[in-house]
Amino acid sequence: MSSCNIDHPIADVEQKLADQKSFLPANLHDGSAKLLSERPDQETLNELFHLLKKYDLASEEERADRDKKLSQLLG
């Protein structure tokens, strides 16, 4: 994943999460929703957005890598 200099508003991250809900493991979706409800800092929002971006189009290997990074982000 490439880095991006755009700060993603929480509404955009919430929409991205909703768009990818059917593709994400339930625990990662629920954990991400909980994280968003806690109003994380901008860096966390940006990281979450990019992990979710095009998740549905990612290969199984890429999804596994993103799942691992999501789990780490969710702590």
C-alpha atoms as a PDB file:
ATOM      1  CA  MET A   1       0.000   0.000   0.000  1.00  0.00           C
ATOM      2  CA  SER A   2       1.269   3.405  -0.864  1.00  0.00           C
ATOM      3  CA  SER A   3       1.273   6.227   1.612  1.00  0.00           C
ATOM      4  CA  CYS A   4      -1.003   9.177   1.056  1.00  0.00           C
ATOM      5  CA  ASN A   5      -0.841  12.761   2.209  1.00  0.00           C
ATOM      6  CA  ILE A   6      -4.618  13.180   2.386  1.00  0.00           C
ATOM      7  CA  ASP A   7      -6.223  13.390   5.808  1.00  0.00           C
ATOM      8  CA  HIS A   8      -9.385  11.325   5.670  1.00  0.00           C
ATOM      9  CA  PRO A   9     -12.335  12.650   7.709  1.00  0.00           C
ATOM     10  CA  ILE A  10     -13.991  10.198  10.062  1.00  0.00           C
ATOM     11  CA  ALA A  11     -17.143  10.184   7.881  1.00  0.00           C
ATOM     12  CA  ASP A  12     -15.093   8.905   4.931  1.00  0.00           C
ATOM     13  CA  VAL A  13     -13.525   6.172   7.044  1.00  0.00           C
ATOM     14  CA  GLU A  14     -16.950   5.164   8.391  1.00  0.00           C
ATOM     15  CA  GLN A  15     -18.287   4.967   4.829  1.00  0.00           C
ATOM     16  CA  LYS A  16     -15.293   2.899   3.690  1.00  0.00           C
ATOM     17  CA  LEU A  17     -15.883   0.524   6.607  1.00  0.00           C
ATOM     18  CA  ALA A  18     -19.553   0.198   5.676  1.00  0.00           C
ATOM     19  CA  ASP A  19     -18.619  -0.456   2.026  1.00  0.00           C
ATOM     20  CA  GLN A  20     -16.232  -3.262   3.012  1.00  0.00           C
ATOM     21  CA  LYS A  21     -18.356  -4.826   5.788  1.00  0.00           C
ATOM     22  CA  SER A  22     -19.365  -7.901   3.799  1.00  0.00           C
ATOM     23  CA  PHE A  23     -15.730  -8.637   2.909  1.00  0.00           C
ATOM     24  CA  LEU A  24     -14.130  -8.157   6.341  1.00  0.00           C
ATOM     25  CA  PRO A  25     -13.987 -10.788   9.078  1.00  0.00           C
ATOM     26  CA  ALA A  26     -16.692  -9.871  11.617  1.00  0.00           C
ATOM     27  CA  ASN A  27     -14.212  -9.321  14.457  1.00  0.00           C
ATOM     28  CA  LEU A  28     -12.213  -6.822  12.377  1.00  0.00           C
ATOM     29  CA  HIS A  29     -15.319  -4.972  11.247  1.00  0.00           C
ATOM     30  CA  ASP A  30     -16.668  -4.748  14.783  1.00  0.00           C
ATOM     31  CA  GLY A  31     -13.303  -3.731  16.191  1.00  0.00           C
ATOM     32  CA  SER A  32     -12.917  -1.045  13.529  1.00  0.00           C
ATOM     33  CA  ALA A  33     -16.395   0.305  14.268  1.00  0.00           C
ATOM     34  CA  LYS A  34     -15.549   0.427  17.979  1.00  0.00           C
ATOM     35  CA  LEU A  35     -12.281   2.224  17.228  1.00  0.00           C
ATOM     36  CA  LEU A  36     -14.134   4.823  15.152  1.00  0.00           C
ATOM     37  CA  SER A  37     -16.641   5.385  17.959  1.00  0.00           C
ATOM     38  CA  GLU A  38     -13.694   6.373  20.164  1.00  0.00           C
ATOM     39  CA  ARG A  39     -12.746   9.193  17.752  1.00  0.00           C
ATOM     40  CA  PRO A  40      -9.126   8.199  17.027  1.00  0.00           C
ATOM     41  CA  ASP A  41      -6.407  10.619  15.960  1.00  0.00           C
ATOM     42  CA  GLN A  42      -5.879  11.561  12.316  1.00  0.00           C
ATOM     43  CA  GLU A  43      -2.942   9.212  11.809  1.00  0.00           C
ATOM     44  CA  THR A  44      -5.071   6.263  12.930  1.00  0.00           C
ATOM     45  CA  LEU A  45      -7.958   7.359  10.698  1.00  0.00           C
ATOM     46  CA  ASN A  46      -5.649   7.541   7.693  1.00  0.00           C
ATOM     47  CA  GLU A  47      -4.124   4.142   8.404  1.00  0.00           C
ATOM     48  CA  LEU A  48      -7.533   2.518   8.857  1.00  0.00           C
ATOM     49  CA  PHE A  49      -8.821   4.106   5.645  1.00  0.00           C
ATOM     50  CA  HIS A  50      -5.932   2.720   3.623  1.00  0.00           C
ATOM     51  CA  LEU A  51      -6.228  -0.755   5.122  1.00  0.00           C
ATOM     52  CA  LEU A  52      -9.915  -0.773   4.135  1.00  0.00           C
ATOM     53  CA  LYS A  53      -9.438   0.818   0.715  1.00  0.00           C
ATOM     54  CA  LYS A  54     -10.059  -1.748  -2.048  1.00  0.00           C
ATOM     55  CA  TYR A  55     -10.033  -4.547   0.548  1.00  0.00           C
ATOM     56  CA  ASP A  56     -12.629  -6.347  -1.573  1.00  0.00           C
ATOM     57  CA  LEU A  57     -10.265  -6.361  -4.567  1.00  0.00           C
ATOM     58  CA  ALA A  58      -7.197  -7.549  -2.667  1.00  0.00           C
ATOM     59  CA  SER A  59      -5.754 -11.029  -3.152  1.00  0.00           C
ATOM     60  CA  GLU A  60      -6.050 -13.540  -0.327  1.00  0.00           C
ATOM     61  CA  GLU A  61      -2.411 -12.933   0.566  1.00  0.00           C
ATOM     62  CA  GLU A  62      -2.936  -9.157   0.633  1.00  0.00           C
ATOM     63  CA  ARG A  63      -6.096  -9.565   2.729  1.00  0.00           C
ATOM     64  CA  ALA A  64      -4.202 -11.705   5.240  1.00  0.00           C
ATOM     65  CA  ASP A  65      -1.546  -8.987   5.507  1.00  0.00           C
ATOM     66  CA  ARG A  66      -4.195  -6.292   5.949  1.00  0.00           C
ATOM     67  CA  ASP A  67      -6.042  -8.419   8.516  1.00  0.00           C
ATOM     68  CA  LYS A  68      -2.824  -8.682  10.526  1.00  0.00           C
ATOM     69  CA  LYS A  69      -2.243  -4.918  10.328  1.00  0.00           C
ATOM     70  CA  LEU A  70      -5.859  -4.231  11.261  1.00  0.00           C
ATOM     71  CA  SER A  71      -5.549  -6.489  14.295  1.00  0.00           C
ATOM     72  CA  GLN A  72      -2.412  -4.620  15.364  1.00  0.00           C
ATOM     73  CA  LEU A  73      -4.125  -1.264  14.846  1.00  0.00           C
ATOM     74  CA  LEU A  74      -7.100  -2.362  16.906  1.00  0.00           C
ATOM     75  CA  GLY A  75      -4.725  -3.483  19.645  1.00  0.00           C
END
